[in-house]
């Protein structure tokens, strides 16, 4: 059982968990969901991007880091940031810059910094 499968209920209360399991590691992040987490926790939460249900393959990205890539002008018509992970880099559609993710791959220890 993966770490995320074992702790999904607990993690999803405190962190924004999204799947990025497609062939191109596509994901979306809802502006309203992020605002909800910010209302409850300030910037003290992580975005967790899950790449597999079969093995631990996820990115634990502290929101203060993730927000560097989440610019309002990159929101789609549904108020979502849509992006993908490739080569351990996160890219939001229509953005020129990529966010390096290597330090956050399976970084379960970061979850201890962002807990109640």
PDB file of N, CA and C in Angstrom:
ATOM      1  N   UNK A   1       0.848  -1.186   0.000  1.00  0.00           N
ATOM      2  CA  UNK A   1       0.000   0.000   0.000  1.00  0.00           C
ATOM      3  C   UNK A   1       0.891   1.246   0.000  1.00  0.00           C
ATOM      4  N   UNK A   2       0.540   2.204  -0.818  1.00  0.00           N
ATOM      5  CA  UNK A   2       1.333   3.430  -0.894  1.00  0.00           C
ATOM      6  C   UNK A   2       1.095   4.309   0.339  1.00  0.00           C
ATOM      7  N   UNK A   3       2.017   5.209   0.564  1.00  0.00           N
ATOM      8  CA  UNK A   3       1.889   6.160   1.670  1.00  0.00           C
ATOM      9  C   UNK A   3       0.597   6.953   1.537  1.00  0.00           C
ATOM     10  N   UNK A   4       0.307   7.424   0.337  1.00  0.00           N
ATOM     11  CA  UNK A   4      -0.899   8.225   0.131  1.00  0.00           C
ATOM     12  C   UNK A   4      -2.162   7.400   0.369  1.00  0.00           C
ATOM     13  N   UNK A   5      -2.192   6.173  -0.121  1.00  0.00           N
ATOM     14  CA  UNK A   5      -3.369   5.322   0.095  1.00  0.00           C
ATOM     15  C   UNK A   5      -3.586   5.075   1.582  1.00  0.00           C
ATOM     16  N   UNK A   6      -2.513   4.881   2.318  1.00  0.00           N
ATOM     17  CA  UNK A   6      -2.618   4.606   3.752  1.00  0.00           C
ATOM     18  C   UNK A   6      -3.058   5.821   4.551  1.00  0.00           C
ATOM     19  N   UNK A   7      -2.771   7.021   4.070  1.00  0.00           N
ATOM     20  CA  UNK A   7      -3.021   8.242   4.851  1.00  0.00           C
ATOM     21  C   UNK A   7      -3.898   9.263   4.123  1.00  0.00           C
ATOM     22  N   UNK A   8      -4.589   8.845   3.082  1.00  0.00           N
ATOM     23  CA  UNK A   8      -5.319   9.792   2.227  1.00  0.00           C
ATOM     24  C   UNK A   8      -6.310  10.658   2.998  1.00  0.00           C
ATOM     25  N   UNK A   9      -7.137  10.052   3.839  1.00  0.00           N
ATOM     26  CA  UNK A   9      -8.168  10.825   4.559  1.00  0.00           C
ATOM     27  C   UNK A   9      -7.534  11.904   5.427  1.00  0.00           C
ATOM     28  N   UNK A  10      -6.508  11.530   6.162  1.00  0.00           N
ATOM     29  CA  UNK A  10      -5.818  12.481   7.044  1.00  0.00           C
ATOM     30  C   UNK A  10      -5.130  13.582   6.232  1.00  0.00           C
ATOM     31  N   UNK A  11      -4.429  13.196   5.177  1.00  0.00           N
ATOM     32  CA  UNK A  11      -3.690  14.174   4.374  1.00  0.00           C
ATOM     33  C   UNK A  11      -4.617  15.139   3.649  1.00  0.00           C
ATOM     34  N   UNK A  12      -5.732  14.643   3.142  1.00  0.00           N
ATOM     35  CA  UNK A  12      -6.613  15.510   2.353  1.00  0.00           C
ATOM     36  C   UNK A  12      -7.359  16.531   3.206  1.00  0.00           C
ATOM     37  N   UNK A  13      -7.404  16.330   4.503  1.00  0.00           N
ATOM     38  CA  UNK A  13      -7.985  17.352   5.387  1.00  0.00           C
ATOM     39  C   UNK A  13      -7.050  18.549   5.542  1.00  0.00           C
ATOM     40  N   UNK A  14      -5.763  18.297   5.457  1.00  0.00           N
ATOM     41  CA  UNK A  14      -4.757  19.318   5.762  1.00  0.00           C
ATOM     42  C   UNK A  14      -4.024  19.842   4.533  1.00  0.00           C
ATOM     43  N   UNK A  15      -4.069  19.057   3.446  1.00  0.00           N
ATOM     44  CA  UNK A  15      -3.303  19.385   2.242  1.00  0.00           C
ATOM     45  C   UNK A  15      -4.175  19.186   1.006  1.00  0.00           C
ATOM     46  N   UNK A  16      -3.830  19.870  -0.059  1.00  0.00           N
ATOM     47  CA  UNK A  16      -4.562  19.770  -1.319  1.00  0.00           C
ATOM     48  C   UNK A  16      -3.951  18.619  -2.118  1.00  0.00           C
ATOM     49  N   UNK A  17      -4.675  17.508  -2.208  1.00  0.00           N
ATOM     50  CA  UNK A  17      -4.196  16.297  -2.871  1.00  0.00           C
ATOM     51  C   UNK A  17      -4.836  16.200  -4.256  1.00  0.00           C
ATOM     52  N   UNK A  18      -4.003  16.080  -5.270  1.00  0.00           N
ATOM     53  CA  UNK A  18      -4.491  15.941  -6.650  1.00  0.00           C
ATOM     54  C   UNK A  18      -3.739  14.807  -7.336  1.00  0.00           C
ATOM     55  N   UNK A  19      -4.408  14.149  -8.245  1.00  0.00           N
ATOM     56  CA  UNK A  19      -3.772  13.105  -9.036  1.00  0.00           C
ATOM     57  C   UNK A  19      -3.138  13.705 -10.280  1.00  0.00           C
ATOM     58  N   UNK A  20      -1.996  13.134 -10.640  1.00  0.00           N
ATOM     59  CA  UNK A  20      -1.298  13.476 -11.884  1.00  0.00           C
ATOM     60  C   UNK A  20      -0.831  12.157 -12.494  1.00  0.00           C
ATOM     61  N   UNK A  21      -1.787  11.238 -12.674  1.00  0.00           N
ATOM     62  CA  UNK A  21      -1.448   9.865 -13.056  1.00  0.00           C
ATOM     63  C   UNK A  21      -1.563   9.584 -14.546  1.00  0.00           C
ATOM     64  N   UNK A  22      -1.990  10.531 -15.337  1.00  0.00           N
ATOM     65  CA  UNK A  22      -2.132  10.270 -16.769  1.00  0.00           C
ATOM     66  C   UNK A  22      -0.751  10.129 -17.419  1.00  0.00           C
ATOM     67  N   UNK A  23      -0.729   9.720 -18.672  1.00  0.00           N
ATOM     68  CA  UNK A  23       0.539   9.492 -19.370  1.00  0.00           C
ATOM     69  C   UNK A  23       1.413  10.739 -19.404  1.00  0.00           C
ATOM     70  N   UNK A  24       0.800  11.913 -19.353  1.00  0.00           N
ATOM     71  CA  UNK A  24       1.583  13.151 -19.389  1.00  0.00           C
ATOM     72  C   UNK A  24       1.621  13.871 -18.042  1.00  0.00           C
ATOM     73  N   UNK A  25       1.201  13.190 -16.971  1.00  0.00           N
ATOM     74  CA  UNK A  25       1.223  13.740 -15.602  1.00  0.00           C
ATOM     75  C   UNK A  25       0.451  15.049 -15.500  1.00  0.00           C
ATOM     76  N   UNK A  26      -0.688  15.091 -16.170  1.00  0.00           N
ATOM     77  CA  UNK A  26      -1.577  16.246 -16.175  1.00  0.00           C
ATOM     78  C   UNK A  26      -2.259  16.387 -14.819  1.00  0.00           C
ATOM     79  N   UNK A  27      -2.476  17.618 -14.389  1.00  0.00           N
ATOM     80  CA  UNK A  27      -3.226  17.894 -13.155  1.00  0.00           C
ATOM     81  C   UNK A  27      -3.924  19.236 -13.303  1.00  0.00           C
ATOM     82  N   UNK A  28      -4.865  19.480 -12.399  1.00  0.00           N
ATOM     83  CA  UNK A  28      -5.465  20.808 -12.304  1.00  0.00           C
ATOM     84  C   UNK A  28      -5.592  21.179 -10.834  1.00  0.00           C
ATOM     85  N   UNK A  29      -5.538  22.463 -10.580  1.00  0.00           N
ATOM     86  CA  UNK A  29      -5.665  23.002  -9.224  1.00  0.00           C
ATOM     87  C   UNK A  29      -6.731  24.088  -9.251  1.00  0.00           C
ATOM     88  N   UNK A  30      -7.735  23.932  -8.422  1.00  0.00           N
ATOM     89  CA  UNK A  30      -8.842  24.878  -8.373  1.00  0.00           C
ATOM     90  C   UNK A  30      -8.482  26.081  -7.504  1.00  0.00           C
ATOM     91  N   UNK A  31      -8.700  27.271  -8.040  1.00  0.00           N
ATOM     92  CA  UNK A  31      -8.430  28.481  -7.272  1.00  0.00           C
ATOM     93  C   UNK A  31      -9.275  28.508  -5.997  1.00  0.00           C
ATOM     94  N   UNK A  32     -10.538  28.101  -6.089  1.00  0.00           N
ATOM     95  CA  UNK A  32     -11.404  28.148  -4.901  1.00  0.00           C
ATOM     96  C   UNK A  32     -10.957  27.147  -3.838  1.00  0.00           C
ATOM     97  N   UNK A  33     -10.471  25.984  -4.244  1.00  0.00           N
ATOM     98  CA  UNK A  33      -9.962  25.015  -3.259  1.00  0.00           C
ATOM     99  C   UNK A  33      -8.720  25.564  -2.569  1.00  0.00           C
ATOM    100  N   UNK A  34      -7.838  26.175  -3.336  1.00  0.00           N
ATOM    101  CA  UNK A  34      -6.636  26.760  -2.741  1.00  0.00           C
ATOM    102  C   UNK A  34      -7.020  27.890  -1.797  1.00  0.00           C
ATOM    103  N   UNK A  35      -7.964  28.725  -2.189  1.00  0.00           N
ATOM    104  CA  UNK A  35      -8.422  29.794  -1.297  1.00  0.00           C
ATOM    105  C   UNK A  35      -9.019  29.218  -0.018  1.00  0.00           C
ATOM    106  N   UNK A  36      -9.724  28.097  -0.110  1.00  0.00           N
ATOM    107  CA  UNK A  36     -10.268  27.444   1.078  1.00  0.00           C
ATOM    108  C   UNK A  36      -9.171  26.975   2.022  1.00  0.00           C
ATOM    109  N   UNK A  37      -8.128  26.368   1.476  1.00  0.00           N
ATOM    110  CA  UNK A  37      -6.995  25.956   2.309  1.00  0.00           C
ATOM    111  C   UNK A  37      -6.310  27.176   2.918  1.00  0.00           C
ATOM    112  N   UNK A  38      -6.170  28.235   2.147  1.00  0.00           N
ATOM    113  CA  UNK A  38      -5.534  29.447   2.670  1.00  0.00           C
ATOM    114  C   UNK A  38      -6.379  30.084   3.769  1.00  0.00           C
ATOM    115  N   UNK A  39      -7.698  30.051   3.635  1.00  0.00           N
ATOM    116  CA  UNK A  39      -8.574  30.574   4.693  1.00  0.00           C
ATOM    117  C   UNK A  39      -8.376  29.810   5.994  1.00  0.00           C
ATOM    118  N   UNK A  40      -8.189  28.506   5.892  1.00  0.00           N
ATOM    119  CA  UNK A  40      -8.043  27.671   7.093  1.00  0.00           C
ATOM    120  C   UNK A  40      -6.621  27.628   7.638  1.00  0.00           C
ATOM    121  N   UNK A  41      -5.626  27.625   6.746  1.00  0.00           N
ATOM    122  CA  UNK A  41      -4.251  27.365   7.185  1.00  0.00           C
ATOM    123  C   UNK A  41      -3.248  28.449   6.804  1.00  0.00           C
ATOM    124  N   UNK A  42      -3.698  29.543   6.220  1.00  0.00           N
ATOM    125  CA  UNK A  42      -2.747  30.527   5.700  1.00  0.00           C
ATOM    126  C   UNK A  42      -1.961  29.894   4.563  1.00  0.00           C
ATOM    127  N   UNK A  43      -0.656  30.040   4.589  1.00  0.00           N
ATOM    128  CA  UNK A  43       0.195  29.386   3.589  1.00  0.00           C
ATOM    129  C   UNK A  43       0.775  28.082   4.127  1.00  0.00           C
ATOM    130  N   UNK A  44       0.272  27.607   5.242  1.00  0.00           N
ATOM    131  CA  UNK A  44       0.831  26.465   5.963  1.00  0.00           C
ATOM    132  C   UNK A  44       0.166  25.148   5.541  1.00  0.00           C
ATOM    133  N   UNK A  45       0.323  24.800   4.264  1.00  0.00           N
ATOM    134  CA  UNK A  45      -0.179  23.528   3.747  1.00  0.00           C
ATOM    135  C   UNK A  45       0.637  23.170   2.510  1.00  0.00           C
ATOM    136  N   UNK A  46       0.444  21.953   2.033  1.00  0.00           N
ATOM    137  CA  UNK A  46       1.165  21.491   0.847  1.00  0.00           C
ATOM    138  C   UNK A  46       0.189  21.123  -0.260  1.00  0.00           C
ATOM    139  N   UNK A  47       0.679  21.178  -1.465  1.00  0.00           N
ATOM    140  CA  UNK A  47      -0.008  20.597  -2.610  1.00  0.00           C
ATOM    141  C   UNK A  47       0.684  19.270  -2.878  1.00  0.00           C
ATOM    142  N   UNK A  48      -0.101  18.208  -2.873  1.00  0.00           N
ATOM    143  CA  UNK A  48       0.433  16.867  -3.090  1.00  0.00           C
ATOM    144  C   UNK A  48      -0.045  16.397  -4.460  1.00  0.00           C
ATOM    145  N   UNK A  49       0.899  16.139  -5.347  1.00  0.00           N
ATOM    146  CA  UNK A  49       0.582  15.625  -6.680  1.00  0.00           C
ATOM    147  C   UNK A  49       0.963  14.155  -6.728  1.00  0.00           C
ATOM    148  N   UNK A  50      -0.033  13.299  -6.879  1.00  0.00           N
ATOM    149  CA  UNK A  50       0.152  11.855  -6.863  1.00  0.00           C
ATOM    150  C   UNK A  50       0.326  11.326  -8.284  1.00  0.00           C
ATOM    151  N   UNK A  51       1.432  10.643  -8.524  1.00  0.00           N
ATOM    152  CA  UNK A  51       1.705  10.118  -9.853  1.00  0.00           C
ATOM    153  C   UNK A  51       1.395   8.653 -10.053  1.00  0.00           C
ATOM    154  N   UNK A  52       1.035   7.925  -8.974  1.00  0.00           N
ATOM    155  CA  UNK A  52       0.806   6.488  -9.122  1.00  0.00           C
ATOM    156  C   UNK A  52      -0.026   5.952  -7.972  1.00  0.00           C
ATOM    157  N   UNK A  53      -0.866   4.973  -8.282  1.00  0.00           N
ATOM    158  CA  UNK A  53      -1.584   4.258  -7.229  1.00  0.00           C
ATOM    159  C   UNK A  53      -0.845   2.999  -6.806  1.00  0.00           C
ATOM    160  N   UNK A  54       0.198   2.623  -7.558  1.00  0.00           N
ATOM    161  CA  UNK A  54       0.882   1.357  -7.326  1.00  0.00           C
ATOM    162  C   UNK A  54       2.180   1.480  -6.543  1.00  0.00           C
ATOM    163  N   UNK A  55       2.770   2.648  -6.534  1.00  0.00           N
ATOM    164  CA  UNK A  55       4.045   2.863  -5.837  1.00  0.00           C
ATOM    165  C   UNK A  55       4.084   4.307  -5.351  1.00  0.00           C
ATOM    166  N   UNK A  56       4.917   4.564  -4.348  1.00  0.00           N
ATOM    167  CA  UNK A  56       5.076   5.939  -3.877  1.00  0.00           C
ATOM    168  C   UNK A  56       5.756   6.748  -4.978  1.00  0.00           C
ATOM    169  N   UNK A  57       5.009   7.645  -5.557  1.00  0.00           N
ATOM    170  CA  UNK A  57       5.502   8.521  -6.617  1.00  0.00           C
ATOM    171  C   UNK A  57       4.674   9.796  -6.556  1.00  0.00           C
ATOM    172  N   UNK A  58       5.046  10.648  -5.617  1.00  0.00           N
ATOM    173  CA  UNK A  58       4.288  11.885  -5.452  1.00  0.00           C
ATOM    174  C   UNK A  58       5.222  13.021  -5.113  1.00  0.00           C
ATOM    175  N   UNK A  59       4.699  14.218  -5.290  1.00  0.00           N
ATOM    176  CA  UNK A  59       5.429  15.435  -4.953  1.00  0.00           C
ATOM    177  C   UNK A  59       4.693  16.131  -3.827  1.00  0.00           C
ATOM    178  N   UNK A  60       5.419  16.449  -2.771  1.00  0.00           N
ATOM    179  CA  UNK A  60       4.891  17.179  -1.616  1.00  0.00           C
ATOM    180  C   UNK A  60       5.452  18.598  -1.725  1.00  0.00           C
ATOM    181  N   UNK A  61       4.635  19.503  -2.246  1.00  0.00           N
ATOM    182  CA  UNK A  61       5.111  20.851  -2.559  1.00  0.00           C
ATOM    183  C   UNK A  61       4.526  21.839  -1.555  1.00  0.00           C
ATOM    184  N   UNK A  62       5.343  22.416  -0.684  1.00  0.00           N
ATOM    185  CA  UNK A  62       4.818  23.424   0.244  1.00  0.00           C
ATOM    186  C   UNK A  62       4.159  24.563  -0.541  1.00  0.00           C
ATOM    187  N   UNK A  63       3.014  25.010  -0.082  1.00  0.00           N
ATOM    188  CA  UNK A  63       2.304  26.066  -0.800  1.00  0.00           C
ATOM    189  C   UNK A  63       3.162  27.314  -1.023  1.00  0.00           C
ATOM    190  N   UNK A  64       3.978  27.743  -0.041  1.00  0.00           N
ATOM    191  CA  UNK A  64       4.806  28.928  -0.308  1.00  0.00           C
ATOM    192  C   UNK A  64       5.715  28.765  -1.536  1.00  0.00           C
ATOM    193  N   UNK A  65       6.092  27.533  -1.858  1.00  0.00           N
ATOM    194  CA  UNK A  65       6.882  27.267  -3.066  1.00  0.00           C
ATOM    195  C   UNK A  65       5.955  27.209  -4.282  1.00  0.00           C
ATOM    196  N   UNK A  66       4.857  26.445  -4.164  1.00  0.00           N
ATOM    197  CA  UNK A  66       3.937  26.252  -5.293  1.00  0.00           C
ATOM    198  C   UNK A  66       3.357  27.565  -5.796  1.00  0.00           C
ATOM    199  N   UNK A  67       3.078  28.484  -4.883  1.00  0.00           N
ATOM    200  CA  UNK A  67       2.403  29.717  -5.309  1.00  0.00           C
ATOM    201  C   UNK A  67       3.254  30.559  -6.250  1.00  0.00           C
ATOM    202  N   UNK A  68       4.551  30.288  -6.311  1.00  0.00           N
ATOM    203  CA  UNK A  68       5.410  30.989  -7.274  1.00  0.00           C
ATOM    204  C   UNK A  68       4.978  30.724  -8.714  1.00  0.00           C
ATOM    205  N   UNK A  69       4.324  29.574  -8.926  1.00  0.00           N
ATOM    206  CA  UNK A  69       3.898  29.198 -10.279  1.00  0.00           C
ATOM    207  C   UNK A  69       2.427  29.495 -10.542  1.00  0.00           C
ATOM    208  N   UNK A  70       1.678  29.880  -9.516  1.00  0.00           N
ATOM    209  CA  UNK A  70       0.224  30.008  -9.635  1.00  0.00           C
ATOM    210  C   UNK A  70      -0.193  31.468  -9.789  1.00  0.00           C
ATOM    211  N   UNK A  71       0.024  32.007 -10.950  1.00  0.00           N
ATOM    212  CA  UNK A  71      -0.316  33.400 -11.231  1.00  0.00           C
ATOM    213  C   UNK A  71      -1.742  33.502 -11.758  1.00  0.00           C
ATOM    214  N   UNK A  72      -2.446  34.549 -11.372  1.00  0.00           N
ATOM    215  CA  UNK A  72      -3.850  34.734 -11.767  1.00  0.00           C
ATOM    216  C   UNK A  72      -4.029  34.759 -13.282  1.00  0.00           C
ATOM    217  N   UNK A  73      -3.060  35.282 -14.002  1.00  0.00           N
ATOM    218  CA  UNK A  73      -3.208  35.355 -15.462  1.00  0.00           C
ATOM    219  C   UNK A  73      -3.089  33.993 -16.142  1.00  0.00           C
ATOM    220  N   UNK A  74      -2.744  32.949 -15.381  1.00  0.00           N
ATOM    221  CA  UNK A  74      -2.637  31.600 -15.935  1.00  0.00           C
ATOM    222  C   UNK A  74      -3.864  30.739 -15.633  1.00  0.00           C
ATOM    223  N   UNK A  75      -4.852  31.307 -14.951  1.00  0.00           N
ATOM    224  CA  UNK A  75      -6.088  30.570 -14.675  1.00  0.00           C
ATOM    225  C   UNK A  75      -6.871  30.353 -15.966  1.00  0.00           C
ATOM    226  N   UNK A  76      -7.514  29.187 -16.082  1.00  0.00           N
ATOM    227  CA  UNK A  76      -8.366  28.955 -17.247  1.00  0.00           C
ATOM    228  C   UNK A  76      -9.767  29.508 -16.996  1.00  0.00           C
ATOM    229  N   UNK A  77     -10.679  29.303 -17.924  1.00  0.00           N
ATOM    230  CA  UNK A  77     -12.030  29.864 -17.812  1.00  0.00           C
ATOM    231  C   UNK A  77     -12.823  29.280 -16.643  1.00  0.00           C
ATOM    232  N   UNK A  78     -12.387  28.131 -16.112  1.00  0.00           N
ATOM    233  CA  UNK A  78     -13.051  27.527 -14.951  1.00  0.00           C
ATOM    234  C   UNK A  78     -12.344  27.880 -13.637  1.00  0.00           C
ATOM    235  N   UNK A  79     -11.426  28.828 -13.691  1.00  0.00           N
ATOM    236  CA  UNK A  79     -10.680  29.298 -12.512  1.00  0.00           C
ATOM    237  C   UNK A  79      -9.792  28.180 -11.953  1.00  0.00           C
ATOM    238  N   UNK A  80      -9.109  27.478 -12.862  1.00  0.00           N
ATOM    239  CA  UNK A  80      -8.186  26.412 -12.492  1.00  0.00           C
ATOM    240  C   UNK A  80      -6.832  26.682 -13.140  1.00  0.00           C
ATOM    241  N   UNK A  81      -5.808  26.244 -12.428  1.00  0.00           N
ATOM    242  CA  UNK A  81      -4.490  26.172 -13.040  1.00  0.00           C
ATOM    243  C   UNK A  81      -4.353  24.756 -13.573  1.00  0.00           C
ATOM    244  N   UNK A  82      -4.034  24.627 -14.823  1.00  0.00           N
ATOM    245  CA  UNK A  82      -3.865  23.325 -15.456  1.00  0.00           C
ATOM    246  C   UNK A  82      -2.400  23.200 -15.840  1.00  0.00           C
ATOM    247  N   UNK A  83      -1.819  22.061 -15.521  1.00  0.00           N
ATOM    248  CA  UNK A  83      -0.412  21.889 -15.820  1.00  0.00           C
ATOM    249  C   UNK A  83      -0.021  20.435 -15.898  1.00  0.00           C
ATOM    250  N   UNK A  84       1.274  20.206 -15.911  1.00  0.00           N
ATOM    251  CA  UNK A  84       1.804  18.850 -15.981  1.00  0.00           C
ATOM    252  C   UNK A  84       3.178  18.820 -15.328  1.00  0.00           C
ATOM    253  N   UNK A  85       3.616  17.609 -15.016  1.00  0.00           N
ATOM    254  CA  UNK A  85       4.949  17.390 -14.463  1.00  0.00           C
ATOM    255  C   UNK A  85       5.725  16.581 -15.493  1.00  0.00           C
ATOM    256  N   UNK A  86       6.894  17.079 -15.840  1.00  0.00           N
ATOM    257  CA  UNK A  86       7.762  16.354 -16.761  1.00  0.00           C
ATOM    258  C   UNK A  86       9.204  16.639 -16.363  1.00  0.00           C
ATOM    259  N   UNK A  87       9.992  15.583 -16.276  1.00  0.00           N
ATOM    260  CA  UNK A  87      11.395  15.755 -15.921  1.00  0.00           C
ATOM    261  C   UNK A  87      11.575  16.409 -14.565  1.00  0.00           C
ATOM    262  N   UNK A  88      10.710  16.048 -13.616  1.00  0.00           N
ATOM    263  CA  UNK A  88      10.728  16.605 -12.260  1.00  0.00           C
ATOM    264  C   UNK A  88      10.600  18.126 -12.247  1.00  0.00           C
ATOM    265  N   UNK A  89       9.839  18.641 -13.204  1.00  0.00           N
ATOM    266  CA  UNK A  89       9.528  20.073 -13.238  1.00  0.00           C
ATOM    267  C   UNK A  89       8.038  20.246 -13.457  1.00  0.00           C
ATOM    268  N   UNK A  90       7.466  21.193 -12.738  1.00  0.00           N
ATOM    269  CA  UNK A  90       6.054  21.520 -12.865  1.00  0.00           C
ATOM    270  C   UNK A  90       5.921  22.687 -13.824  1.00  0.00           C
ATOM    271  N   UNK A  91       4.970  22.545 -14.730  1.00  0.00           N
ATOM    272  CA  UNK A  91       4.703  23.655 -15.641  1.00  0.00           C
ATOM    273  C   UNK A  91       3.202  23.871 -15.712  1.00  0.00           C
ATOM    274  N   UNK A  92       2.787  25.089 -15.482  1.00  0.00           N
ATOM    275  CA  UNK A  92       1.399  25.494 -15.643  1.00  0.00           C
ATOM    276  C   UNK A  92       1.223  25.906 -17.105  1.00  0.00           C
ATOM    277  N   UNK A  93       0.122  25.469 -17.723  1.00  0.00           N
ATOM    278  CA  UNK A  93      -0.127  25.815 -19.128  1.00  0.00           C
ATOM    279  C   UNK A  93       0.002  27.318 -19.353  1.00  0.00           C
ATOM    280  N   UNK A  94       0.606  27.669 -20.463  1.00  0.00           N
ATOM    281  CA  UNK A  94       0.832  29.047 -20.909  1.00  0.00           C
ATOM    282  C   UNK A  94       1.896  29.786 -20.106  1.00  0.00           C
ATOM    283  N   UNK A  95       2.562  29.098 -19.195  1.00  0.00           N
ATOM    284  CA  UNK A  95       3.640  29.731 -18.426  1.00  0.00           C
ATOM    285  C   UNK A  95       4.980  29.437 -19.098  1.00  0.00           C
ATOM    286  N   UNK A  96       5.868  30.381 -19.036  1.00  0.00           N
ATOM    287  CA  UNK A  96       7.206  30.192 -19.586  1.00  0.00           C
ATOM    288  C   UNK A  96       8.125  29.480 -18.594  1.00  0.00           C
ATOM    289  N   UNK A  97       7.946  29.780 -17.321  1.00  0.00           N
ATOM    290  CA  UNK A  97       8.843  29.250 -16.294  1.00  0.00           C
ATOM    291  C   UNK A  97       8.345  27.911 -15.784  1.00  0.00           C
ATOM    292  N   UNK A  98       9.288  27.082 -15.361  1.00  0.00           N
ATOM    293  CA  UNK A  98       8.979  25.787 -14.772  1.00  0.00           C
ATOM    294  C   UNK A  98       9.465  25.790 -13.329  1.00  0.00           C
ATOM    295  N   UNK A  99       8.747  25.090 -12.479  1.00  0.00           N
ATOM    296  CA  UNK A  99       9.103  25.004 -11.069  1.00  0.00           C
ATOM    297  C   UNK A  99       9.827  23.682 -10.829  1.00  0.00           C
ATOM    298  N   UNK A 100      11.107  23.700 -10.419  1.00  0.00           N
ATOM    299  CA  UNK A 100      11.828  22.455 -10.152  1.00  0.00           C
ATOM    300  C   UNK A 100      11.195  21.700  -8.980  1.00  0.00           C
ATOM    301  N   UNK A 101      10.985  20.397  -9.159  1.00  0.00           N
ATOM    302  CA  UNK A 101      10.307  19.604  -8.133  1.00  0.00           C
ATOM    303  C   UNK A 101      11.171  18.517  -7.507  1.00  0.00           C
ATOM    304  N   UNK A 102      12.381  18.336  -7.970  1.00  0.00           N
ATOM    305  CA  UNK A 102      13.207  17.233  -7.477  1.00  0.00           C
ATOM    306  C   UNK A 102      13.276  17.164  -5.949  1.00  0.00           C
ATOM    307  N   UNK A 103      13.466  18.275  -5.234  1.00  0.00           N
ATOM    308  CA  UNK A 103      13.551  18.182  -3.765  1.00  0.00           C
ATOM    309  C   UNK A 103      12.246  17.737  -3.102  1.00  0.00           C
ATOM    310  N   UNK A 104      11.149  17.759  -3.839  1.00  0.00           N
ATOM    311  CA  UNK A 104       9.840  17.475  -3.254  1.00  0.00           C
ATOM    312  C   UNK A 104       9.311  16.087  -3.605  1.00  0.00           C
ATOM    313  N   UNK A 105      10.089  15.313  -4.383  1.00  0.00           N
ATOM    314  CA  UNK A 105       9.648  13.972  -4.765  1.00  0.00           C
ATOM    315  C   UNK A 105       9.684  13.047  -3.543  1.00  0.00           C
ATOM    316  N   UNK A 106       8.530  12.486  -3.213  1.00  0.00           N
ATOM    317  CA  UNK A 106       8.385  11.607  -2.041  1.00  0.00           C
ATOM    318  C   UNK A 106       8.961  12.241  -0.777  1.00  0.00           C
ATOM    319  N   UNK A 107       8.802  13.534  -0.639  1.00  0.00           N
ATOM    320  CA  UNK A 107       9.339  14.277   0.512  1.00  0.00           C
ATOM    321  C   UNK A 107       8.338  14.248   1.670  1.00  0.00           C
ATOM    322  N   UNK A 108       8.062  13.046   2.156  1.00  0.00           N
ATOM    323  CA  UNK A 108       7.068  12.865   3.215  1.00  0.00           C
ATOM    324  C   UNK A 108       7.424  13.646   4.480  1.00  0.00           C
ATOM    325  N   UNK A 109       8.709  13.846   4.708  1.00  0.00           N
ATOM    326  CA  UNK A 109       9.151  14.556   5.909  1.00  0.00           C
ATOM    327  C   UNK A 109       8.633  15.994   5.940  1.00  0.00           C
ATOM    328  N   UNK A 110       8.358  16.578   4.796  1.00  0.00           N
ATOM    329  CA  UNK A 110       7.823  17.945   4.766  1.00  0.00           C
ATOM    330  C   UNK A 110       6.440  18.027   5.398  1.00  0.00           C
ATOM    331  N   UNK A 111       5.713  16.935   5.378  1.00  0.00           N
ATOM    332  CA  UNK A 111       4.363  16.940   5.948  1.00  0.00           C
ATOM    333  C   UNK A 111       4.389  17.198   7.449  1.00  0.00           C
ATOM    334  N   UNK A 112       5.498  16.862   8.109  1.00  0.00           N
ATOM    335  CA  UNK A 112       5.633  17.123   9.544  1.00  0.00           C
ATOM    336  C   UNK A 112       5.716  18.623   9.823  1.00  0.00           C
ATOM    337  N   UNK A 113       6.245  19.392   8.888  1.00  0.00           N
ATOM    338  CA  UNK A 113       6.352  20.844   9.058  1.00  0.00           C
ATOM    339  C   UNK A 113       5.006  21.520   8.915  1.00  0.00           C
ATOM    340  N   UNK A 114       4.110  20.857   8.182  1.00  0.00           N
ATOM    341  CA  UNK A 114       2.802  21.430   7.880  1.00  0.00           C
ATOM    342  C   UNK A 114       1.715  20.553   8.485  1.00  0.00           C
ATOM    343  N   UNK A 115       1.663  20.528   9.799  1.00  0.00           N
ATOM    344  CA  UNK A 115       0.650  19.715  10.475  1.00  0.00           C
ATOM    345  C   UNK A 115       0.059  20.513  11.625  1.00  0.00           C
ATOM    346  N   UNK A 116      -1.071  20.029  12.102  1.00  0.00           N
ATOM    347  CA  UNK A 116      -1.751  20.725  13.206  1.00  0.00           C
ATOM    348  C   UNK A 116      -1.035  20.519  14.520  1.00  0.00           C
TER     349      UNK A 116
END
